[in-house]
Amino acid sequence: MNDTRIKVAVLGLGIMGRGMAGQLNAKGFDVTVWNRDPAKARALGDAGATVAASPAEAVRGAAFVIAMLAHDDASRAVWLGDDGALAAMDAGAVAIECSTLSVDWAKTLANATAERAIGFIDAPVTGTKPQAAGGTLRFFTGGDEATVAKAEPVLLAMGTEVIRLGPVGSGALLKLINNFLCGVQVASLAEAITMVERSGLDVTQSMAVLTAGAPGSPLVKMLAARMIERDYEPNFLPSLMAKDLRYAASTFAGQGVELASAEAARARFEAAAAQFGGKDMAVVAEVIRGAGKARE
């Protein structure tokens, strides 16, 4: 009996990639995975996915190749480096870049895929670890309509919505705008909570008032509890938020918009990454708490 399942390769099995690959595997796709650290692929291999030794090996014969990587340099290496994915892909396959990248790199990668008659969309996601593991991500997509439509069934196996934004780079751009707003909120929330704690106000009452009022975005409501409880199990790393804010500042500057608030927030997340390693970005609250204690 011939295996007619759609073949999908997933490159990068960090916090997000593991959940995304798991959803595809559970929903009947023929999944091959690759990760720089092979140990992170072991559980998916045990669940029935094929584990490849290189990006090139992973993508051979795949109709769709999904990358979920940390930054531009990692994306460049996986797609175009030694044993890279792009040279091994079949013409007519579709490359789906779900990483949060600079707009310039997304467009450069799109040009490289076009030279090989490979489709391309940038499709970064909203959501963190719980949404990836639960298949409830939302995809911001940039690319031509036909290619996005072709990829949509694969994306919807990992999420609930595919948002079509325009040509290549549109998804990357909106994701940077999105994460700029999120990063500034999280940093300011950490400062606000520290002030509440140090002032003698009742923390529970104060945060109930703030999260029920105008400041109470879904992100603030979720992370306020984590900061107060000091629950830093990683969903999204502070190093990644610092990178996203750096890319956002560069992109906005190209349009003459200075992101002063992003620069201040980025410094907070860089300090959190340096001090607290692989903990969740909510740990930025400890940076503020520690700075206050140092001045006492």
C-alpha atoms as a PDB file:
ATOM      1  CA  MET A   1       0.000   0.000   0.000  1.00  0.00           C
ATOM      2  CA  ASN A   2       1.408   3.398  -1.026  1.00  0.00           C
ATOM      3  CA  ASP A   3       1.842   6.059   1.643  1.00  0.00           C
ATOM      4  CA  THR A   4      -0.138   9.058   0.351  1.00  0.00           C
ATOM      5  CA  ARG A   5       0.242  11.210   3.441  1.00  0.00           C
ATOM      6  CA  ILE A   6       1.580  14.726   2.877  1.00  0.00           C
ATOM      7  CA  LYS A   7       5.279  14.894   3.717  1.00  0.00           C
ATOM      8  CA  VAL A   8       6.273  17.808   5.937  1.00  0.00           C
ATOM      9  CA  ALA A   9       9.711  18.608   7.340  1.00  0.00           C
ATOM     10  CA  VAL A  10      10.091  20.685  10.504  1.00  0.00           C
ATOM     11  CA  LEU A  11      13.456  22.346  11.098  1.00  0.00           C
ATOM     12  CA  GLY A  12      14.046  23.530  14.651  1.00  0.00           C
ATOM     13  CA  LEU A  13      12.588  21.890  17.746  1.00  0.00           C
ATOM     14  CA  GLY A  14      12.772  24.547  20.405  1.00  0.00           C
ATOM     15  CA  ILE A  15       9.850  25.490  22.616  1.00  0.00           C
ATOM     16  CA  MET A  16       7.648  26.264  19.613  1.00  0.00           C
ATOM     17  CA  GLY A  17       8.921  23.837  16.995  1.00  0.00           C
ATOM     18  CA  ARG A  18       8.390  20.786  19.208  1.00  0.00           C
ATOM     19  CA  GLY A  19       4.729  21.618  19.696  1.00  0.00           C
ATOM     20  CA  MET A  20       4.164  22.388  16.033  1.00  0.00           C
ATOM     21  CA  ALA A  21       5.797  19.167  14.861  1.00  0.00           C
ATOM     22  CA  GLY A  22       3.825  17.238  17.460  1.00  0.00           C
ATOM     23  CA  GLN A  23       0.560  18.613  16.121  1.00  0.00           C
ATOM     24  CA  LEU A  24       1.438  17.663  12.547  1.00  0.00           C
ATOM     25  CA  ASN A  25       2.508  14.192  13.612  1.00  0.00           C
ATOM     26  CA  ALA A  26      -0.673  13.646  15.631  1.00  0.00           C
ATOM     27  CA  LYS A  27      -2.848  14.752  12.718  1.00  0.00           C
ATOM     28  CA  GLY A  28      -1.547  12.234  10.248  1.00  0.00           C
ATOM     29  CA  PHE A  29       1.119  14.046   8.271  1.00  0.00           C
ATOM     30  CA  ASP A  30       4.300  12.221   7.310  1.00  0.00           C
ATOM     31  CA  VAL A  31       6.659  14.254   9.483  1.00  0.00           C
ATOM     32  CA  THR A  32      10.440  14.441   9.393  1.00  0.00           C
ATOM     33  CA  VAL A  33      12.201  16.590  11.983  1.00  0.00           C
ATOM     34  CA  TRP A  34      15.668  18.019  12.423  1.00  0.00           C
ATOM     35  CA  ASN A  35      17.255  19.885  15.296  1.00  0.00           C
ATOM     36  CA  ARG A  36      20.815  20.993  15.966  1.00  0.00           C
ATOM     37  CA  ASP A  37      20.637  19.137  19.295  1.00  0.00           C
ATOM     38  CA  PRO A  38      19.387  15.645  18.329  1.00  0.00           C
ATOM     39  CA  ALA A  39      18.229  14.952  21.881  1.00  0.00           C
ATOM     40  CA  LYS A  40      15.337  17.360  21.379  1.00  0.00           C
ATOM     41  CA  ALA A  41      14.074  15.191  18.508  1.00  0.00           C
ATOM     42  CA  ARG A  42      13.992  11.967  20.514  1.00  0.00           C
ATOM     43  CA  ALA A  43      10.416  12.260  21.812  1.00  0.00           C
ATOM     44  CA  LEU A  44       9.061  13.021  18.354  1.00  0.00           C
ATOM     45  CA  GLY A  45      10.957  10.062  16.948  1.00  0.00           C
ATOM     46  CA  ASP A  46       9.426   7.856  19.616  1.00  0.00           C
ATOM     47  CA  ALA A  47       5.989   9.202  18.577  1.00  0.00           C
ATOM     48  CA  GLY A  48       6.490   8.157  14.969  1.00  0.00           C
ATOM     49  CA  ALA A  49       8.230  11.076  13.259  1.00  0.00           C
ATOM     50  CA  THR A  50      11.362  10.465  11.219  1.00  0.00           C
ATOM     51  CA  VAL A  51      14.468  12.092  12.695  1.00  0.00           C
ATOM     52  CA  ALA A  52      16.982  13.428  10.178  1.00  0.00           C
ATOM     53  CA  ALA A  53      20.683  14.092  10.676  1.00  0.00           C
ATOM     54  CA  SER A  54      20.760  17.347   8.692  1.00  0.00           C
ATOM     55  CA  PRO A  55      18.373  19.925   7.208  1.00  0.00           C
ATOM     56  CA  ALA A  56      19.143  18.586   3.726  1.00  0.00           C
ATOM     57  CA  GLU A  57      18.236  15.045   4.745  1.00  0.00           C
ATOM     58  CA  ALA A  58      15.050  16.227   6.433  1.00  0.00           C
ATOM     59  CA  VAL A  59      13.608  18.037   3.422  1.00  0.00           C
ATOM     60  CA  ARG A  60      14.183  15.479   0.672  1.00  0.00           C
ATOM     61  CA  GLY A  61      10.820  14.559  -0.814  1.00  0.00           C
ATOM     62  CA  ALA A  62       8.897  16.943   1.458  1.00  0.00           C
ATOM     63  CA  ALA A  63       6.034  18.936  -0.032  1.00  0.00           C
ATOM     64  CA  PHE A  64       6.296  21.533   2.762  1.00  0.00           C
ATOM     65  CA  VAL A  65       9.271  22.576   4.859  1.00  0.00           C
ATOM     66  CA  ILE A  66       8.638  24.549   8.064  1.00  0.00           C
ATOM     67  CA  ALA A  67      11.402  26.359   9.916  1.00  0.00           C
ATOM     68  CA  MET A  68      11.050  27.621  13.484  1.00  0.00           C
ATOM     69  CA  LEU A  69      14.399  29.079  14.469  1.00  0.00           C
ATOM     70  CA  ALA A  70      15.797  31.694  16.842  1.00  0.00           C
ATOM     71  CA  HIS A  71      17.045  34.452  14.545  1.00  0.00           C
ATOM     72  CA  ASP A  72      18.273  35.474  11.086  1.00  0.00           C
ATOM     73  CA  ASP A  73      21.676  33.793  11.437  1.00  0.00           C
ATOM     74  CA  ALA A  74      20.131  30.466  12.410  1.00  0.00           C
ATOM     75  CA  SER A  75      17.655  30.710   9.540  1.00  0.00           C
ATOM     76  CA  ARG A  76      20.417  31.538   7.072  1.00  0.00           C
ATOM     77  CA  ALA A  77      22.509  28.585   8.210  1.00  0.00           C
ATOM     78  CA  VAL A  78      19.637  26.088   8.084  1.00  0.00           C
ATOM     79  CA  TRP A  79      18.372  27.136   4.664  1.00  0.00           C
ATOM     80  CA  LEU A  80      21.611  28.047   2.858  1.00  0.00           C
ATOM     81  CA  GLY A  81      24.520  26.616   4.868  1.00  0.00           C
ATOM     82  CA  ASP A  82      26.395  23.337   4.518  1.00  0.00           C
ATOM     83  CA  ASP A  83      23.819  20.526   4.264  1.00  0.00           C
ATOM     84  CA  GLY A  84      21.215  23.303   4.103  1.00  0.00           C
ATOM     85  CA  ALA A  85      17.591  22.707   3.275  1.00  0.00           C
ATOM     86  CA  LEU A  86      17.106  24.811   0.176  1.00  0.00           C
ATOM     87  CA  ALA A  87      19.518  22.994  -2.136  1.00  0.00           C
ATOM     88  CA  ALA A  88      17.895  19.649  -1.279  1.00  0.00           C
ATOM     89  CA  MET A  89      14.247  20.668  -1.747  1.00  0.00           C
ATOM     90  CA  ASP A  90      12.191  19.593  -4.750  1.00  0.00           C
ATOM     91  CA  ALA A  91      11.012  22.211  -7.216  1.00  0.00           C
ATOM     92  CA  GLY A  92       7.377  22.990  -6.498  1.00  0.00           C
ATOM     93  CA  ALA A  93       7.713  22.396  -2.751  1.00  0.00           C
ATOM     94  CA  VAL A  94       6.857  25.214  -0.341  1.00  0.00           C
ATOM     95  CA  ALA A  95       9.208  26.725   2.230  1.00  0.00           C
ATOM     96  CA  ILE A  96       7.359  28.142   5.260  1.00  0.00           C
ATOM     97  CA  GLU A  97       9.429  30.369   7.524  1.00  0.00           C
ATOM     98  CA  CYS A  98       7.647  30.611  10.880  1.00  0.00           C
ATOM     99  CA  SER A  99      10.557  32.158  12.767  1.00  0.00           C
ATOM    100  CA  THR A 100      10.471  35.795  13.883  1.00  0.00           C
ATOM    101  CA  LEU A 101      12.968  37.342  11.480  1.00  0.00           C
ATOM    102  CA  SER A 102      13.979  40.679  10.062  1.00  0.00           C
ATOM    103  CA  VAL A 103      11.927  41.760   7.061  1.00  0.00           C
ATOM    104  CA  ASP A 104      15.064  42.114   4.930  1.00  0.00           C
ATOM    105  CA  TRP A 105      16.126  38.530   5.565  1.00  0.00           C
ATOM    106  CA  ALA A 106      12.634  37.186   4.853  1.00  0.00           C
ATOM    107  CA  LYS A 107      12.703  38.917   1.462  1.00  0.00           C
ATOM    108  CA  THR A 108      16.226  37.707   0.714  1.00  0.00           C
ATOM    109  CA  LEU A 109      15.225  34.134   1.506  1.00  0.00           C
ATOM    110  CA  ALA A 110      12.156  34.464  -0.713  1.00  0.00           C
ATOM    111  CA  ASN A 111      14.386  35.476  -3.623  1.00  0.00           C
ATOM    112  CA  ALA A 112      16.624  32.467  -3.014  1.00  0.00           C
ATOM    113  CA  THR A 113      13.662  30.084  -3.069  1.00  0.00           C
ATOM    114  CA  ALA A 114      12.289  31.645  -6.264  1.00  0.00           C
ATOM    115  CA  GLU A 115      15.581  30.947  -8.032  1.00  0.00           C
ATOM    116  CA  ARG A 116      14.968  27.236  -7.380  1.00  0.00           C
ATOM    117  CA  ALA A 117      11.255  27.292  -8.331  1.00  0.00           C
ATOM    118  CA  ILE A 118      10.305  26.706  -4.698  1.00  0.00           C
ATOM    119  CA  GLY A 119       7.327  28.477  -3.150  1.00  0.00           C
ATOM    120  CA  PHE A 120       7.842  30.668  -0.093  1.00  0.00           C
ATOM    121  CA  ILE A 121       5.767  32.308   2.604  1.00  0.00           C
ATOM    122  CA  ASP A 122       6.788  34.059   5.785  1.00  0.00           C
ATOM    123  CA  ALA A 123       4.354  32.850   8.443  1.00  0.00           C
ATOM    124  CA  PRO A 124       5.410  33.869  11.965  1.00  0.00           C
ATOM    125  CA  VAL A 125       2.998  32.996  14.732  1.00  0.00           C
ATOM    126  CA  THR A 126       1.246  34.546  17.680  1.00  0.00           C
ATOM    127  CA  GLY A 127       1.180  32.365  20.751  1.00  0.00           C
ATOM    128  CA  THR A 128       3.783  30.679  22.904  1.00  0.00           C
ATOM    129  CA  LYS A 129       4.370  27.178  24.248  1.00  0.00           C
ATOM    130  CA  PRO A 130       0.759  26.355  25.257  1.00  0.00           C
ATOM    131  CA  GLN A 131      -0.629  27.436  21.876  1.00  0.00           C
ATOM    132  CA  ALA A 132       2.022  25.507  19.935  1.00  0.00           C
ATOM    133  CA  ALA A 133       1.412  22.372  21.984  1.00  0.00           C
ATOM    134  CA  GLY A 134      -2.361  22.747  21.711  1.00  0.00           C
ATOM    135  CA  GLY A 135      -2.576  23.594  18.006  1.00  0.00           C
ATOM    136  CA  THR A 136      -4.078  27.060  18.570  1.00  0.00           C
ATOM    137  CA  LEU A 137      -1.476  29.297  16.929  1.00  0.00           C
ATOM    138  CA  ARG A 138      -2.384  32.167  14.597  1.00  0.00           C
ATOM    139  CA  PHE A 139      -0.228  32.675  11.509  1.00  0.00           C
ATOM    140  CA  PHE A 140       0.705  36.074  10.038  1.00  0.00           C
ATOM    141  CA  THR A 141       1.408  35.260   6.397  1.00  0.00           C
ATOM    142  CA  GLY A 142       3.215  37.110   3.637  1.00  0.00           C
ATOM    143  CA  GLY A 143       3.363  35.667   0.137  1.00  0.00           C
ATOM    144  CA  ASP A 144       1.382  35.295  -3.047  1.00  0.00           C
ATOM    145  CA  GLU A 145      -2.219  34.151  -2.649  1.00  0.00           C
ATOM    146  CA  ALA A 146      -1.744  30.816  -4.407  1.00  0.00           C
ATOM    147  CA  THR A 147       1.193  29.770  -2.244  1.00  0.00           C
ATOM    148  CA  VAL A 148      -0.524  30.789   0.992  1.00  0.00           C
ATOM    149  CA  ALA A 149      -3.644  28.868  -0.069  1.00  0.00           C
ATOM    150  CA  LYS A 150      -1.532  25.798  -0.851  1.00  0.00           C
ATOM    151  CA  ALA A 151       0.088  25.925   2.588  1.00  0.00           C
ATOM    152  CA  GLU A 152      -3.089  26.733   4.521  1.00  0.00           C
ATOM    153  CA  PRO A 153      -4.134  23.125   5.340  1.00  0.00           C
ATOM    154  CA  VAL A 154      -0.717  22.505   6.872  1.00  0.00           C
ATOM    155  CA  LEU A 155      -0.838  25.728   8.876  1.00  0.00           C
ATOM    156  CA  LEU A 156      -4.352  25.031  10.116  1.00  0.00           C
ATOM    157  CA  ALA A 157      -3.181  21.648  11.402  1.00  0.00           C
ATOM    158  CA  MET A 158      -1.063  23.661  13.843  1.00  0.00           C
ATOM    159  CA  GLY A 159      -3.351  26.611  14.469  1.00  0.00           C
ATOM    160  CA  THR A 160      -6.750  28.205  14.258  1.00  0.00           C
ATOM    161  CA  GLU A 161      -6.277  31.092  11.837  1.00  0.00           C
ATOM    162  CA  VAL A 162      -4.213  32.020   8.778  1.00  0.00           C
ATOM    163  CA  ILE A 163      -4.141  35.798   8.352  1.00  0.00           C
ATOM    164  CA  ARG A 164      -3.243  36.901   4.829  1.00  0.00           C
ATOM    165  CA  LEU A 165      -1.417  40.215   5.009  1.00  0.00           C
ATOM    166  CA  GLY A 166       0.069  40.795   1.569  1.00  0.00           C
ATOM    167  CA  PRO A 167       3.354  40.116  -0.243  1.00  0.00           C
ATOM    168  CA  VAL A 168       6.429  38.436   1.186  1.00  0.00           C
ATOM    169  CA  GLY A 169       7.680  40.266   4.257  1.00  0.00           C
ATOM    170  CA  SER A 170       4.223  41.330   5.429  1.00  0.00           C
ATOM    171  CA  GLY A 171       4.008  38.579   8.023  1.00  0.00           C
ATOM    172  CA  ALA A 172       7.496  39.311   9.329  1.00  0.00           C
ATOM    173  CA  LEU A 173       6.685  43.014   9.586  1.00  0.00           C
ATOM    174  CA  LEU A 174       3.436  42.631  11.516  1.00  0.00           C
ATOM    175  CA  LYS A 175       5.078  40.111  13.853  1.00  0.00           C
ATOM    176  CA  LEU A 176       7.787  42.633  14.727  1.00  0.00           C
ATOM    177  CA  ILE A 177       5.157  45.301  15.341  1.00  0.00           C
ATOM    178  CA  ASN A 178       3.233  42.823  17.502  1.00  0.00           C
ATOM    179  CA  ASN A 179       6.285  41.841  19.542  1.00  0.00           C
ATOM    180  CA  PHE A 180       7.378  45.450  19.961  1.00  0.00           C
ATOM    181  CA  LEU A 181       4.056  46.175  21.653  1.00  0.00           C
ATOM    182  CA  CYS A 182       4.303  43.009  23.739  1.00  0.00           C
ATOM    183  CA  GLY A 183       7.870  43.647  24.845  1.00  0.00           C
ATOM    184  CA  VAL A 184       7.170  47.174  26.014  1.00  0.00           C
ATOM    185  CA  GLN A 185       4.095  45.967  27.915  1.00  0.00           C
ATOM    186  CA  VAL A 186       5.999  43.196  29.679  1.00  0.00           C
ATOM    187  CA  ALA A 187       8.875  45.451  30.706  1.00  0.00           C
ATOM    188  CA  SER A 188       6.535  48.154  32.006  1.00  0.00           C
ATOM    189  CA  LEU A 189       4.485  45.517  33.845  1.00  0.00           C
ATOM    190  CA  ALA A 190       7.625  44.336  35.639  1.00  0.00           C
ATOM    191  CA  GLU A 191       8.345  47.899  36.719  1.00  0.00           C
ATOM    192  CA  ALA A 192       4.761  48.425  37.878  1.00  0.00           C
ATOM    193  CA  ILE A 193       4.682  45.229  39.931  1.00  0.00           C
ATOM    194  CA  THR A 194       7.972  46.094  41.585  1.00  0.00           C
ATOM    195  CA  MET A 195       6.577  49.506  42.546  1.00  0.00           C
ATOM    196  CA  VAL A 196       3.428  47.934  44.001  1.00  0.00           C
ATOM    197  CA  GLU A 197       5.501  45.466  46.031  1.00  0.00           C
ATOM    198  CA  ARG A 198       7.844  48.154  47.376  1.00  0.00           C
ATOM    199  CA  SER A 199       5.163  50.732  48.147  1.00  0.00           C
ATOM    200  CA  GLY A 200       3.235  48.742  50.722  1.00  0.00           C
ATOM    201  CA  LEU A 201       0.114  48.447  48.584  1.00  0.00           C
ATOM    202  CA  ASP A 202      -1.683  45.124  48.699  1.00  0.00           C
ATOM    203  CA  VAL A 203      -0.299  43.262  45.688  1.00  0.00           C
ATOM    204  CA  THR A 204      -3.319  41.060  45.041  1.00  0.00           C
ATOM    205  CA  GLN A 205      -5.787  43.943  45.284  1.00  0.00           C
ATOM    206  CA  SER A 206      -3.645  46.309  43.223  1.00  0.00           C
ATOM    207  CA  MET A 207      -3.085  43.863  40.390  1.00  0.00           C
ATOM    208  CA  ALA A 208      -6.774  42.928  40.333  1.00  0.00           C
ATOM    209  CA  VAL A 209      -7.589  46.617  39.819  1.00  0.00           C
ATOM    210  CA  LEU A 210      -4.932  47.103  37.118  1.00  0.00           C
ATOM    211  CA  THR A 211      -5.678  43.942  35.159  1.00  0.00           C
ATOM    212  CA  ALA A 212      -9.422  44.682  35.195  1.00  0.00           C
ATOM    213  CA  GLY A 213      -8.848  48.211  33.919  1.00  0.00           C
ATOM    214  CA  ALA A 214      -7.363  49.835  30.835  1.00  0.00           C
ATOM    215  CA  PRO A 215      -3.865  48.306  31.258  1.00  0.00           C
ATOM    216  CA  GLY A 216      -5.291  44.777  31.453  1.00  0.00           C
ATOM    217  CA  SER A 217      -4.412  43.286  28.071  1.00  0.00           C
ATOM    218  CA  PRO A 218      -4.490  39.476  27.805  1.00  0.00           C
ATOM    219  CA  LEU A 219      -0.683  39.475  27.967  1.00  0.00           C
ATOM    220  CA  VAL A 220      -0.596  41.642  31.083  1.00  0.00           C
ATOM    221  CA  LYS A 221      -3.208  39.483  32.790  1.00  0.00           C
ATOM    222  CA  MET A 222      -1.251  36.310  32.086  1.00  0.00           C
ATOM    223  CA  LEU A 223       2.203  37.582  32.995  1.00  0.00           C
ATOM    224  CA  ALA A 224       1.129  39.554  36.070  1.00  0.00           C
ATOM    225  CA  ALA A 225       0.252  36.301  37.790  1.00  0.00           C
ATOM    226  CA  ARG A 226       3.502  34.673  36.711  1.00  0.00           C
ATOM    227  CA  MET A 227       5.600  37.603  37.951  1.00  0.00           C
ATOM    228  CA  ILE A 228       3.836  37.730  41.313  1.00  0.00           C
ATOM    229  CA  GLU A 229       4.108  33.961  41.781  1.00  0.00           C
ATOM    230  CA  ARG A 230       7.665  33.930  40.381  1.00  0.00           C
ATOM    231  CA  ASP A 231       6.659  31.205  37.910  1.00  0.00           C
ATOM    232  CA  TYR A 232       9.352  31.335  35.251  1.00  0.00           C
ATOM    233  CA  GLU A 233       8.881  28.011  33.479  1.00  0.00           C
ATOM    234  CA  PRO A 234       9.840  29.029  29.929  1.00  0.00           C
ATOM    235  CA  ASN A 235       7.189  29.788  27.342  1.00  0.00           C
ATOM    236  CA  PHE A 236       9.138  32.566  25.621  1.00  0.00           C
ATOM    237  CA  LEU A 237      12.770  33.389  26.386  1.00  0.00           C
ATOM    238  CA  PRO A 238      13.959  36.905  27.271  1.00  0.00           C
ATOM    239  CA  SER A 239      16.796  36.582  24.745  1.00  0.00           C
ATOM    240  CA  LEU A 240      14.243  36.131  21.976  1.00  0.00           C
ATOM    241  CA  MET A 241      12.278  39.189  23.043  1.00  0.00           C
ATOM    242  CA  ALA A 242      15.495  41.228  23.109  1.00  0.00           C
ATOM    243  CA  LYS A 243      16.240  40.050  19.566  1.00  0.00           C
ATOM    244  CA  ASP A 244      12.726  40.865  18.370  1.00  0.00           C
ATOM    245  CA  LEU A 245      12.943  44.365  19.813  1.00  0.00           C
ATOM    246  CA  ARG A 246      16.295  44.883  18.112  1.00  0.00           C
ATOM    247  CA  TYR A 247      14.865  43.823  14.745  1.00  0.00           C
ATOM    248  CA  ALA A 248      11.809  46.002  15.325  1.00  0.00           C
ATOM    249  CA  ALA A 249      13.913  49.071  16.132  1.00  0.00           C
ATOM    250  CA  SER A 250      15.933  48.632  12.945  1.00  0.00           C
ATOM    251  CA  THR A 251      12.804  48.109  10.833  1.00  0.00           C
ATOM    252  CA  PHE A 252      10.974  51.114  12.298  1.00  0.00           C
ATOM    253  CA  ALA A 253      14.081  53.286  11.844  1.00  0.00           C
ATOM    254  CA  GLY A 254      13.913  52.522   8.132  1.00  0.00           C
ATOM    255  CA  GLN A 255      10.584  54.357   8.099  1.00  0.00           C
ATOM    256  CA  GLY A 256      11.833  57.208  10.259  1.00  0.00           C
ATOM    257  CA  VAL A 257      10.219  55.998  13.500  1.00  0.00           C
ATOM    258  CA  GLU A 258      12.453  55.955  16.569  1.00  0.00           C
ATOM    259  CA  LEU A 259      11.532  53.255  19.080  1.00  0.00           C
ATOM    260  CA  ALA A 260      12.783  54.834  22.298  1.00  0.00           C
ATOM    261  CA  SER A 261      10.471  52.661  24.400  1.00  0.00           C
ATOM    262  CA  ALA A 262      11.699  49.515  22.636  1.00  0.00           C
ATOM    263  CA  GLU A 263      15.323  50.380  23.365  1.00  0.00           C
ATOM    264  CA  ALA A 264      14.580  50.757  27.079  1.00  0.00           C
ATOM    265  CA  ALA A 265      12.652  47.475  27.139  1.00  0.00           C
ATOM    266  CA  ARG A 266      15.381  45.679  25.181  1.00  0.00           C
ATOM    267  CA  ALA A 267      17.950  46.605  27.821  1.00  0.00           C
ATOM    268  CA  ARG A 268      15.710  45.005  30.458  1.00  0.00           C
ATOM    269  CA  PHE A 269      15.373  41.755  28.484  1.00  0.00           C
ATOM    270  CA  GLU A 270      19.084  41.595  27.696  1.00  0.00           C
ATOM    271  CA  ALA A 271      19.801  41.873  31.413  1.00  0.00           C
ATOM    272  CA  ALA A 272      17.239  39.145  32.136  1.00  0.00           C
ATOM    273  CA  ALA A 273      18.799  36.857  29.544  1.00  0.00           C
ATOM    274  CA  ALA A 274      22.277  37.432  30.977  1.00  0.00           C
ATOM    275  CA  GLN A 275      21.218  36.845  34.574  1.00  0.00           C
ATOM    276  CA  PHE A 276      18.557  34.155  34.298  1.00  0.00           C
ATOM    277  CA  GLY A 277      19.414  32.078  31.237  1.00  0.00           C
ATOM    278  CA  GLY A 278      16.607  29.887  29.965  1.00  0.00           C
ATOM    279  CA  LYS A 279      13.786  31.148  32.157  1.00  0.00           C
ATOM    280  CA  ASP A 280      10.607  32.739  30.798  1.00  0.00           C
ATOM    281  CA  MET A 281      10.608  36.399  29.769  1.00  0.00           C
ATOM    282  CA  ALA A 282       8.468  37.121  32.860  1.00  0.00           C
ATOM    283  CA  VAL A 283      11.747  36.841  34.780  1.00  0.00           C
ATOM    284  CA  VAL A 284      12.446  40.408  33.667  1.00  0.00           C
ATOM    285  CA  ALA A 285      10.624  41.301  36.902  1.00  0.00           C
ATOM    286  CA  GLU A 286      13.620  39.957  38.829  1.00  0.00           C
ATOM    287  CA  VAL A 287      15.882  42.402  37.012  1.00  0.00           C
ATOM    288  CA  ILE A 288      13.765  45.294  38.277  1.00  0.00           C
ATOM    289  CA  ARG A 289      13.466  43.841  41.779  1.00  0.00           C
ATOM    290  CA  GLY A 290      17.213  43.318  41.935  1.00  0.00           C
ATOM    291  CA  ALA A 291      18.033  46.796  40.679  1.00  0.00           C
ATOM    292  CA  GLY A 292      15.853  48.286  43.392  1.00  0.00           C
ATOM    293  CA  LYS A 293      17.555  46.234  46.113  1.00  0.00           C
ATOM    294  CA  ALA A 294      21.000  47.225  44.841  1.00  0.00           C
ATOM    295  CA  ARG A 295      20.199  50.906  45.459  1.00  0.00           C
ATOM    296  CA  GLU A 296      19.009  50.374  49.029  1.00  0.00           C
END
